[in-house]
Each structure stands twice: as structure tokens, then as C-alpha cells.
Amino acid sequence: GILKLISVALISPMKNHLFVLQSLQGCNEMIEYNIYGAIKDMEYWKACLKQIELLPTNISVKYNGDIVPTEVENVLSQSHVFILPSKSENFGHAFYEALSAGKPVITSNNTPWKNLKGLNAGINIPLENKNELVDAIKYFAAMNQEEFDTWSLSANDYATKAINT
């Protein structure tokens, strides 16, 4: 009944947390959004805090501060979907960690993590259209447990195949 979203990243315009928060405004579903990471840009974070205040009561946002690497797996296990529509990424270790943990990913088209939906591992969205991010969030919120379990396995499979050592 509640979609649990998570982001693990520096708080900065590049990671696009504000875009997520603005998009959540268009969601009627019950959503918990946990944000982890050091604040790199305080002015940007202040804009995020203002947006959080505007969210409806069905949306819960919690900033959990920075996280030590050994705790990432634990916090990922308490969520459903990793969300980080980055403006740009060279690799994105956080995406790999999330996928490896069986968490489908919602991200932009500007990361190396492509064709996520085609492989049932997540959804790539263009950054030009907030509605596409809203639709991606709603897509996961509407899933039943069996469908989500399939996506979770596919996310892990995607991570395994993406890294060819």
C-alpha cells in the first residue's frame, strides 16, 4: 500500500532531487521517500526543503543525512525503488548497488544505465517532462507484489550482466 523510494547521493543540482520532489506533487499514491547523502549545495537543499513543505499528506519525505558505505545495503533493503534522475553520470556506483540489491531504478536518459524498462529493471525518463517521472513513480506504485518481485529479480540480473569482469 505504500511505495518506498530511496535516493543515495550527494545533495546537489546534478543529482536532481528537486525534480523528484516536484514530481511527487503529482502523485496521489501513498509514498515514502528516503534521501541519504551529504549536502553539497546548501542553497539547493533549501529549495528542496521548500518543495517538501508543499507536498500533500500522502507523501512522506525523510532526509537521513550522510551514510557510511557499509550501511547502504541495509537501507536499500528497506525500500522498493531507487530513484535518482541525474543530469549526468559517468558510471553511477549507486545505481549498480541498487540494481544489485534487486531494486528497480528510476533514472534519466543521461546515465549509462539504459533500456531499463525493456529489461524490467527500471525506467529511464527524459528530464524535459516532469509527467514522465510522475508516470514512472505511479507505474511502480500500482504494481502488485508478484509483479514487483519479477522486477526485483530482473534488476539484480541486469546488474550482474552489466558488469563483465
N, C-alpha and C. Protein backbone atom coordinates (compact mmCIF):
# COMPACT_ATOMS: atom_id res chain seq x y z
N GLY A 1 0.78 -1.21 0.00
CA GLY A 1 0.00 0.00 0.00
C GLY A 1 0.82 1.27 0.00
N ILE A 2 2.13 1.16 0.27
CA ILE A 2 2.99 2.34 0.29
C ILE A 2 4.23 2.03 -0.57
N LEU A 3 4.50 2.89 -1.53
CA LEU A 3 5.71 2.76 -2.34
C LEU A 3 6.84 3.45 -1.60
N LYS A 4 7.93 2.72 -1.39
CA LYS A 4 9.09 3.27 -0.68
C LYS A 4 10.21 3.56 -1.67
N LEU A 5 10.44 4.85 -1.90
CA LEU A 5 11.50 5.31 -2.80
C LEU A 5 12.73 5.66 -1.97
N ILE A 6 13.90 5.55 -2.61
CA ILE A 6 15.14 5.89 -1.93
C ILE A 6 16.12 6.52 -2.92
N SER A 7 16.86 7.50 -2.44
CA SER A 7 17.99 8.08 -3.17
C SER A 7 19.20 8.05 -2.24
N VAL A 8 20.32 7.63 -2.79
CA VAL A 8 21.59 7.67 -2.07
C VAL A 8 22.57 8.41 -2.98
N ALA A 9 22.83 9.68 -2.64
CA ALA A 9 23.70 10.50 -3.49
C ALA A 9 23.96 11.83 -2.80
N LEU A 10 25.01 12.50 -3.23
CA LEU A 10 25.25 13.87 -2.78
C LEU A 10 24.02 14.72 -3.10
N ILE A 11 23.69 15.65 -2.22
CA ILE A 11 22.58 16.56 -2.48
C ILE A 11 23.13 17.74 -3.28
N SER A 12 22.84 17.71 -4.58
CA SER A 12 23.32 18.76 -5.47
C SER A 12 22.42 18.81 -6.71
N PRO A 13 22.43 19.92 -7.44
CA PRO A 13 21.59 20.02 -8.63
C PRO A 13 21.85 18.89 -9.64
N MET A 14 23.07 18.41 -9.73
CA MET A 14 23.40 17.36 -10.69
C MET A 14 22.58 16.08 -10.44
N LYS A 15 22.31 15.79 -9.18
CA LYS A 15 21.59 14.56 -8.83
C LYS A 15 20.08 14.71 -8.97
N ASN A 16 19.60 15.95 -8.96
CA ASN A 16 18.22 16.26 -9.34
C ASN A 16 17.15 15.84 -8.32
N HIS A 17 17.47 15.92 -7.04
CA HIS A 17 16.47 15.61 -6.01
C HIS A 17 15.25 16.52 -6.12
N LEU A 18 15.47 17.79 -6.43
CA LEU A 18 14.36 18.74 -6.52
C LEU A 18 13.36 18.31 -7.58
N PHE A 19 13.83 17.78 -8.68
CA PHE A 19 12.96 17.28 -9.75
C PHE A 19 12.07 16.15 -9.23
N VAL A 20 12.65 15.27 -8.41
CA VAL A 20 11.85 14.19 -7.81
C VAL A 20 10.78 14.80 -6.90
N LEU A 21 11.18 15.72 -6.05
CA LEU A 21 10.24 16.33 -5.10
C LEU A 21 9.13 17.08 -5.82
N GLN A 22 9.45 17.76 -6.88
CA GLN A 22 8.42 18.46 -7.66
C GLN A 22 7.48 17.47 -8.32
N SER A 23 8.01 16.37 -8.79
CA SER A 23 7.19 15.35 -9.45
C SER A 23 6.27 14.65 -8.46
N LEU A 24 6.72 14.46 -7.24
CA LEU A 24 5.88 13.81 -6.23
C LEU A 24 4.60 14.61 -5.97
N GLN A 25 4.63 15.89 -6.25
CA GLN A 25 3.44 16.74 -6.11
C GLN A 25 2.27 16.17 -6.94
N GLY A 26 2.59 15.51 -8.04
CA GLY A 26 1.55 14.98 -8.93
C GLY A 26 1.13 13.56 -8.62
N CYS A 27 1.54 13.01 -7.50
CA CYS A 27 1.21 11.63 -7.15
C CYS A 27 0.14 11.58 -6.06
N ASN A 28 -0.88 10.77 -6.28
CA ASN A 28 -1.95 10.58 -5.30
C ASN A 28 -1.70 9.35 -4.43
N GLU A 29 -0.75 8.53 -4.80
CA GLU A 29 -0.44 7.30 -4.09
C GLU A 29 0.26 7.60 -2.77
N MET A 30 0.23 6.62 -1.87
CA MET A 30 0.97 6.74 -0.61
C MET A 30 2.44 6.44 -0.93
N ILE A 31 3.31 7.40 -0.63
CA ILE A 31 4.73 7.26 -0.98
C ILE A 31 5.59 7.74 0.18
N GLU A 32 6.61 6.95 0.49
CA GLU A 32 7.65 7.34 1.43
C GLU A 32 8.93 7.51 0.62
N TYR A 33 9.58 8.65 0.77
CA TYR A 33 10.82 8.93 0.04
C TYR A 33 11.91 9.21 1.05
N ASN A 34 12.91 8.33 1.08
CA ASN A 34 14.06 8.48 1.97
C ASN A 34 15.26 8.96 1.17
N ILE A 35 15.85 10.04 1.63
CA ILE A 35 17.01 10.64 0.97
C ILE A 35 18.23 10.47 1.87
N TYR A 36 19.29 9.91 1.31
CA TYR A 36 20.56 9.74 2.01
C TYR A 36 21.65 10.43 1.21
N GLY A 37 22.55 11.11 1.90
CA GLY A 37 23.69 11.73 1.24
C GLY A 37 24.06 13.05 1.88
N ALA A 38 25.30 13.41 1.71
CA ALA A 38 25.80 14.68 2.24
C ALA A 38 25.26 15.83 1.41
N ILE A 39 24.99 16.93 2.08
CA ILE A 39 24.53 18.14 1.38
C ILE A 39 25.74 18.85 0.82
N LYS A 40 25.84 18.89 -0.49
CA LYS A 40 26.96 19.54 -1.17
C LYS A 40 26.64 21.00 -1.50
N ASP A 41 25.35 21.29 -1.70
CA ASP A 41 24.92 22.63 -2.09
C ASP A 41 23.76 23.04 -1.18
N MET A 42 24.04 23.89 -0.19
CA MET A 42 23.04 24.26 0.81
C MET A 42 21.87 25.05 0.21
N GLU A 43 22.14 25.93 -0.74
CA GLU A 43 21.05 26.69 -1.38
C GLU A 43 20.10 25.75 -2.12
N TYR A 44 20.66 24.79 -2.80
CA TYR A 44 19.84 23.79 -3.49
C TYR A 44 19.00 23.00 -2.49
N TRP A 45 19.61 22.61 -1.38
CA TRP A 45 18.88 21.85 -0.36
C TRP A 45 17.75 22.70 0.24
N LYS A 46 17.98 23.99 0.40
CA LYS A 46 16.91 24.87 0.91
C LYS A 46 15.73 24.89 -0.05
N ALA A 47 16.00 24.87 -1.35
CA ALA A 47 14.92 24.80 -2.34
C ALA A 47 14.18 23.47 -2.22
N CYS A 48 14.92 22.39 -1.95
CA CYS A 48 14.30 21.08 -1.75
C CYS A 48 13.40 21.10 -0.52
N LEU A 49 13.87 21.71 0.56
CA LEU A 49 13.07 21.79 1.79
C LEU A 49 11.77 22.57 1.56
N LYS A 50 11.84 23.64 0.79
CA LYS A 50 10.62 24.40 0.47
C LYS A 50 9.64 23.53 -0.31
N GLN A 51 10.16 22.72 -1.24
CA GLN A 51 9.29 21.85 -2.02
C GLN A 51 8.67 20.76 -1.14
N ILE A 52 9.44 20.24 -0.21
CA ILE A 52 8.92 19.21 0.71
C ILE A 52 7.73 19.75 1.48
N GLU A 53 7.80 21.02 1.90
CA GLU A 53 6.70 21.63 2.65
C GLU A 53 5.42 21.71 1.83
N LEU A 54 5.54 21.74 0.51
CA LEU A 54 4.37 21.86 -0.37
C LEU A 54 3.72 20.52 -0.71
N LEU A 55 4.36 19.44 -0.34
CA LEU A 55 3.85 18.12 -0.73
C LEU A 55 2.58 17.77 0.04
N PRO A 56 1.68 17.03 -0.61
CA PRO A 56 0.45 16.61 0.06
C PRO A 56 0.75 15.57 1.15
N THR A 57 -0.23 15.31 1.99
CA THR A 57 -0.04 14.44 3.15
C THR A 57 0.19 12.97 2.78
N ASN A 58 -0.12 12.57 1.55
CA ASN A 58 0.12 11.18 1.14
C ASN A 58 1.60 10.92 0.82
N ILE A 59 2.39 11.99 0.80
CA ILE A 59 3.83 11.89 0.51
C ILE A 59 4.61 12.19 1.77
N SER A 60 5.47 11.26 2.15
CA SER A 60 6.34 11.44 3.31
C SER A 60 7.78 11.47 2.83
N VAL A 61 8.51 12.51 3.21
CA VAL A 61 9.91 12.64 2.81
C VAL A 61 10.75 12.74 4.08
N LYS A 62 11.82 11.95 4.12
CA LYS A 62 12.72 12.00 5.26
C LYS A 62 14.16 12.10 4.76
N TYR A 63 14.85 13.13 5.24
CA TYR A 63 16.28 13.26 4.95
C TYR A 63 17.03 12.59 6.10
N ASN A 64 17.87 11.62 5.75
CA ASN A 64 18.57 10.80 6.74
C ASN A 64 20.04 11.14 6.88
N GLY A 65 20.51 12.17 6.20
CA GLY A 65 21.91 12.56 6.30
C GLY A 65 22.82 11.67 5.49
N ASP A 66 24.09 11.85 5.72
CA ASP A 66 25.10 11.07 5.03
C ASP A 66 25.04 9.63 5.54
N ILE A 67 25.57 8.72 4.76
CA ILE A 67 25.52 7.31 5.11
C ILE A 67 26.89 6.68 4.86
N VAL A 68 27.31 5.83 5.76
CA VAL A 68 28.58 5.13 5.56
C VAL A 68 28.34 3.99 4.56
N PRO A 69 29.31 3.70 3.73
CA PRO A 69 29.13 2.69 2.69
C PRO A 69 28.64 1.33 3.21
N THR A 70 29.05 0.94 4.40
CA THR A 70 28.63 -0.36 4.92
C THR A 70 27.15 -0.42 5.26
N GLU A 71 26.47 0.73 5.31
CA GLU A 71 25.04 0.76 5.64
C GLU A 71 24.14 0.84 4.40
N VAL A 72 24.73 1.06 3.23
CA VAL A 72 23.93 1.24 2.02
C VAL A 72 23.06 0.02 1.74
N GLU A 73 23.61 -1.16 1.81
CA GLU A 73 22.83 -2.37 1.54
C GLU A 73 21.63 -2.48 2.48
N ASN A 74 21.84 -2.14 3.74
CA ASN A 74 20.76 -2.20 4.72
C ASN A 74 19.62 -1.24 4.39
N VAL A 75 19.94 0.01 4.05
CA VAL A 75 18.87 0.96 3.74
C VAL A 75 18.18 0.64 2.42
N LEU A 76 18.94 0.10 1.47
CA LEU A 76 18.31 -0.32 0.22
C LEU A 76 17.30 -1.44 0.47
N SER A 77 17.62 -2.33 1.39
CA SER A 77 16.72 -3.46 1.67
C SER A 77 15.38 -3.01 2.23
N GLN A 78 15.30 -1.79 2.73
CA GLN A 78 14.07 -1.27 3.32
C GLN A 78 13.24 -0.45 2.33
N SER A 79 13.63 -0.49 1.06
CA SER A 79 12.93 0.31 0.05
C SER A 79 12.48 -0.58 -1.10
N HIS A 80 11.71 0.01 -2.01
CA HIS A 80 11.26 -0.70 -3.20
C HIS A 80 12.03 -0.27 -4.45
N VAL A 81 12.13 1.05 -4.64
CA VAL A 81 12.66 1.59 -5.89
C VAL A 81 13.70 2.65 -5.60
N PHE A 82 14.83 2.57 -6.31
CA PHE A 82 15.89 3.57 -6.24
C PHE A 82 15.56 4.64 -7.27
N ILE A 83 15.55 5.91 -6.85
CA ILE A 83 15.19 6.99 -7.76
C ILE A 83 16.27 8.07 -7.72
N LEU A 84 16.81 8.38 -8.89
CA LEU A 84 17.83 9.41 -8.99
C LEU A 84 17.95 9.84 -10.46
N PRO A 85 17.13 10.81 -10.87
CA PRO A 85 17.16 11.24 -12.27
C PRO A 85 18.31 12.22 -12.55
N SER A 86 19.51 11.73 -12.42
CA SER A 86 20.72 12.55 -12.58
C SER A 86 20.76 13.26 -13.92
N LYS A 87 21.33 14.46 -13.88
CA LYS A 87 21.52 15.20 -15.11
C LYS A 87 22.64 14.60 -15.94
N SER A 88 23.57 13.91 -15.27
CA SER A 88 24.69 13.26 -15.95
C SER A 88 25.38 12.30 -14.99
N GLU A 89 25.85 11.20 -15.52
CA GLU A 89 26.62 10.23 -14.74
C GLU A 89 27.64 9.58 -15.66
N ASN A 90 28.86 9.39 -15.16
CA ASN A 90 29.85 8.61 -15.91
C ASN A 90 29.58 7.11 -15.74
N PHE A 91 29.32 6.70 -14.53
CA PHE A 91 29.01 5.30 -14.24
C PHE A 91 27.84 5.23 -13.28
N GLY A 92 27.97 5.78 -12.11
CA GLY A 92 26.90 5.77 -11.13
C GLY A 92 26.93 4.53 -10.27
N HIS A 93 27.87 4.48 -9.34
CA HIS A 93 28.00 3.31 -8.47
C HIS A 93 26.74 3.05 -7.66
N ALA A 94 26.04 4.11 -7.28
CA ALA A 94 24.81 3.93 -6.51
C ALA A 94 23.76 3.17 -7.30
N PHE A 95 23.71 3.39 -8.61
CA PHE A 95 22.77 2.65 -9.45
C PHE A 95 23.11 1.16 -9.44
N TYR A 96 24.39 0.87 -9.58
CA TYR A 96 24.81 -0.52 -9.57
C TYR A 96 24.48 -1.18 -8.23
N GLU A 97 24.74 -0.49 -7.14
CA GLU A 97 24.42 -1.05 -5.82
C GLU A 97 22.93 -1.32 -5.69
N ALA A 98 22.10 -0.38 -6.15
CA ALA A 98 20.65 -0.56 -6.07
C ALA A 98 20.19 -1.74 -6.92
N LEU A 99 20.65 -1.79 -8.15
CA LEU A 99 20.27 -2.90 -9.04
C LEU A 99 20.74 -4.24 -8.46
N SER A 100 21.95 -4.26 -7.95
CA SER A 100 22.48 -5.49 -7.35
C SER A 100 21.65 -5.95 -6.17
N ALA A 101 21.06 -4.98 -5.46
CA ALA A 101 20.21 -5.30 -4.31
C ALA A 101 18.78 -5.64 -4.75
N GLY A 102 18.55 -5.70 -6.05
CA GLY A 102 17.22 -6.05 -6.55
C GLY A 102 16.24 -4.90 -6.52
N LYS A 103 16.76 -3.69 -6.56
CA LYS A 103 15.89 -2.51 -6.55
C LYS A 103 15.79 -1.94 -7.96
N PRO A 104 14.61 -1.95 -8.54
CA PRO A 104 14.45 -1.28 -9.83
C PRO A 104 14.83 0.19 -9.69
N VAL A 105 15.28 0.77 -10.78
CA VAL A 105 15.82 2.13 -10.77
C VAL A 105 14.98 3.04 -11.66
N ILE A 106 14.67 4.22 -11.16
CA ILE A 106 14.12 5.28 -11.99
C ILE A 106 15.22 6.32 -12.13
N THR A 107 15.64 6.53 -13.37
CA THR A 107 16.71 7.49 -13.63
C THR A 107 16.48 8.16 -14.98
N SER A 108 17.33 9.10 -15.29
CA SER A 108 17.20 9.83 -16.55
C SER A 108 17.83 9.02 -17.69
N ASN A 109 17.70 9.57 -18.88
CA ASN A 109 18.36 9.00 -20.05
C ASN A 109 19.83 9.39 -20.09
N ASN A 110 20.29 10.17 -19.11
CA ASN A 110 21.65 10.70 -19.11
C ASN A 110 22.62 9.89 -18.25
N THR A 111 22.34 8.64 -18.07
CA THR A 111 23.23 7.75 -17.33
C THR A 111 23.58 6.58 -18.24
N PRO A 112 24.60 5.82 -17.91
CA PRO A 112 24.92 4.66 -18.74
C PRO A 112 23.95 3.48 -18.52
N TRP A 113 23.03 3.62 -17.61
CA TRP A 113 22.07 2.55 -17.30
C TRP A 113 20.86 2.69 -18.23
N LYS A 114 20.91 2.00 -19.37
CA LYS A 114 19.94 2.17 -20.45
C LYS A 114 19.01 0.95 -20.58
N ASN A 115 17.93 1.16 -21.31
CA ASN A 115 16.96 0.12 -21.63
C ASN A 115 16.44 -0.59 -20.37
N LEU A 116 16.30 0.14 -19.29
CA LEU A 116 15.86 -0.46 -18.04
C LEU A 116 14.48 -1.07 -18.14
N LYS A 117 13.54 -0.35 -18.75
CA LYS A 117 12.16 -0.87 -18.81
C LYS A 117 12.08 -2.10 -19.70
N GLY A 118 12.82 -2.10 -20.78
CA GLY A 118 12.81 -3.25 -21.67
C GLY A 118 13.31 -4.53 -21.00
N LEU A 119 14.10 -4.36 -19.96
CA LEU A 119 14.65 -5.50 -19.23
C LEU A 119 14.00 -5.66 -17.85
N ASN A 120 12.90 -4.93 -17.62
CA ASN A 120 12.18 -4.98 -16.33
C ASN A 120 13.10 -4.69 -15.15
N ALA A 121 14.01 -3.74 -15.33
CA ALA A 121 14.95 -3.39 -14.27
C ALA A 121 14.75 -1.96 -13.77
N GLY A 122 13.85 -1.22 -14.39
CA GLY A 122 13.62 0.16 -14.01
C GLY A 122 13.06 0.95 -15.17
N ILE A 123 13.14 2.26 -15.05
CA ILE A 123 12.59 3.14 -16.10
C ILE A 123 13.53 4.32 -16.29
N ASN A 124 13.90 4.56 -17.56
CA ASN A 124 14.64 5.76 -17.94
C ASN A 124 13.62 6.82 -18.36
N ILE A 125 13.82 8.04 -17.88
CA ILE A 125 12.89 9.13 -18.23
C ILE A 125 13.68 10.31 -18.79
N PRO A 126 13.05 11.05 -19.70
CA PRO A 126 13.68 12.29 -20.16
C PRO A 126 13.50 13.37 -19.09
N LEU A 127 14.45 14.25 -18.96
CA LEU A 127 14.37 15.29 -17.93
C LEU A 127 13.52 16.48 -18.35
N GLU A 128 13.09 16.51 -19.59
CA GLU A 128 12.34 17.64 -20.09
C GLU A 128 10.87 17.59 -19.67
N ASN A 129 10.41 16.43 -19.19
CA ASN A 129 8.98 16.27 -18.94
C ASN A 129 8.74 15.67 -17.56
N LYS A 130 8.28 16.49 -16.65
CA LYS A 130 8.01 16.05 -15.27
C LYS A 130 6.94 14.94 -15.24
N ASN A 131 6.00 14.98 -16.20
CA ASN A 131 4.93 13.99 -16.22
C ASN A 131 5.47 12.57 -16.41
N GLU A 132 6.57 12.44 -17.12
CA GLU A 132 7.14 11.11 -17.33
C GLU A 132 7.69 10.54 -16.03
N LEU A 133 8.24 11.40 -15.18
CA LEU A 133 8.72 10.94 -13.88
C LEU A 133 7.52 10.58 -12.99
N VAL A 134 6.48 11.38 -13.02
CA VAL A 134 5.26 11.07 -12.27
C VAL A 134 4.71 9.72 -12.73
N ASP A 135 4.65 9.51 -14.04
CA ASP A 135 4.14 8.24 -14.57
C ASP A 135 4.99 7.06 -14.13
N ALA A 136 6.30 7.23 -14.11
CA ALA A 136 7.20 6.15 -13.69
C ALA A 136 6.96 5.80 -12.22
N ILE A 137 6.80 6.80 -11.39
CA ILE A 137 6.54 6.56 -9.96
C ILE A 137 5.20 5.83 -9.81
N LYS A 138 4.19 6.30 -10.51
CA LYS A 138 2.86 5.68 -10.44
C LYS A 138 2.89 4.24 -10.95
N TYR A 139 3.72 3.99 -11.95
CA TYR A 139 3.84 2.64 -12.51
C TYR A 139 4.25 1.65 -11.42
N PHE A 140 5.24 2.02 -10.64
CA PHE A 140 5.70 1.14 -9.57
C PHE A 140 4.70 1.09 -8.42
N ALA A 141 4.06 2.21 -8.14
CA ALA A 141 3.07 2.24 -7.05
C ALA A 141 1.88 1.32 -7.34
N ALA A 142 1.58 1.12 -8.61
CA ALA A 142 0.42 0.31 -9.00
C ALA A 142 0.74 -1.20 -9.04
N MET A 143 1.99 -1.57 -8.92
CA MET A 143 2.37 -2.99 -9.02
C MET A 143 1.88 -3.80 -7.82
N ASN A 144 1.52 -5.05 -8.12
CA ASN A 144 1.26 -5.98 -7.02
C ASN A 144 2.58 -6.64 -6.64
N GLN A 145 2.58 -7.40 -5.57
CA GLN A 145 3.83 -7.98 -5.05
C GLN A 145 4.48 -8.93 -6.05
N GLU A 146 3.69 -9.74 -6.72
CA GLU A 146 4.24 -10.71 -7.68
C GLU A 146 4.96 -10.00 -8.83
N GLU A 147 4.32 -8.96 -9.36
CA GLU A 147 4.95 -8.20 -10.44
C GLU A 147 6.21 -7.51 -9.95
N PHE A 148 6.16 -6.92 -8.75
CA PHE A 148 7.34 -6.26 -8.21
C PHE A 148 8.48 -7.27 -8.01
N ASP A 149 8.16 -8.46 -7.52
CA ASP A 149 9.19 -9.48 -7.32
C ASP A 149 9.90 -9.82 -8.63
N THR A 150 9.15 -9.87 -9.72
CA THR A 150 9.74 -10.13 -11.03
C THR A 150 10.70 -9.01 -11.41
N TRP A 151 10.29 -7.76 -11.18
CA TRP A 151 11.16 -6.63 -11.48
C TRP A 151 12.39 -6.62 -10.60
N SER A 152 12.22 -7.01 -9.37
CA SER A 152 13.35 -7.06 -8.44
C SER A 152 14.40 -8.07 -8.92
N LEU A 153 13.96 -9.24 -9.32
CA LEU A 153 14.89 -10.25 -9.85
C LEU A 153 15.55 -9.75 -11.14
N SER A 154 14.77 -9.08 -11.97
CA SER A 154 15.32 -8.56 -13.23
C SER A 154 16.34 -7.45 -12.98
N ALA A 155 16.12 -6.64 -11.96
CA ALA A 155 17.09 -5.58 -11.62
C ALA A 155 18.42 -6.21 -11.24
N ASN A 156 18.36 -7.23 -10.40
CA ASN A 156 19.59 -7.91 -9.99
C ASN A 156 20.27 -8.56 -11.20
N ASP A 157 19.49 -9.17 -12.07
CA ASP A 157 20.04 -9.81 -13.27
C ASP A 157 20.70 -8.77 -14.18
N TYR A 158 20.07 -7.61 -14.30
CA TYR A 158 20.63 -6.52 -15.11
C TYR A 158 22.00 -6.11 -14.57
N ALA A 159 22.11 -5.96 -13.26
CA ALA A 159 23.38 -5.57 -12.65
C ALA A 159 24.45 -6.63 -12.90
N THR A 160 24.07 -7.87 -12.75
CA THR A 160 25.03 -8.98 -12.96
C THR A 160 25.55 -8.99 -14.39
N LYS A 161 24.66 -8.77 -15.34
CA LYS A 161 25.07 -8.80 -16.76
C LYS A 161 25.76 -7.52 -17.19
N ALA A 162 25.50 -6.41 -16.49
CA ALA A 162 26.08 -5.12 -16.88
C ALA A 162 27.57 -5.05 -16.59
N ILE A 163 28.01 -5.79 -15.61
CA ILE A 163 29.43 -5.77 -15.24
C ILE A 163 30.07 -7.07 -15.71
N ASN A 164 30.92 -6.92 -16.70
CA ASN A 164 31.62 -8.08 -17.24
C ASN A 164 33.08 -7.97 -16.81
N THR A 165 33.41 -8.67 -15.73
CA THR A 165 34.77 -8.57 -15.22
C THR A 165 35.71 -9.41 -16.06
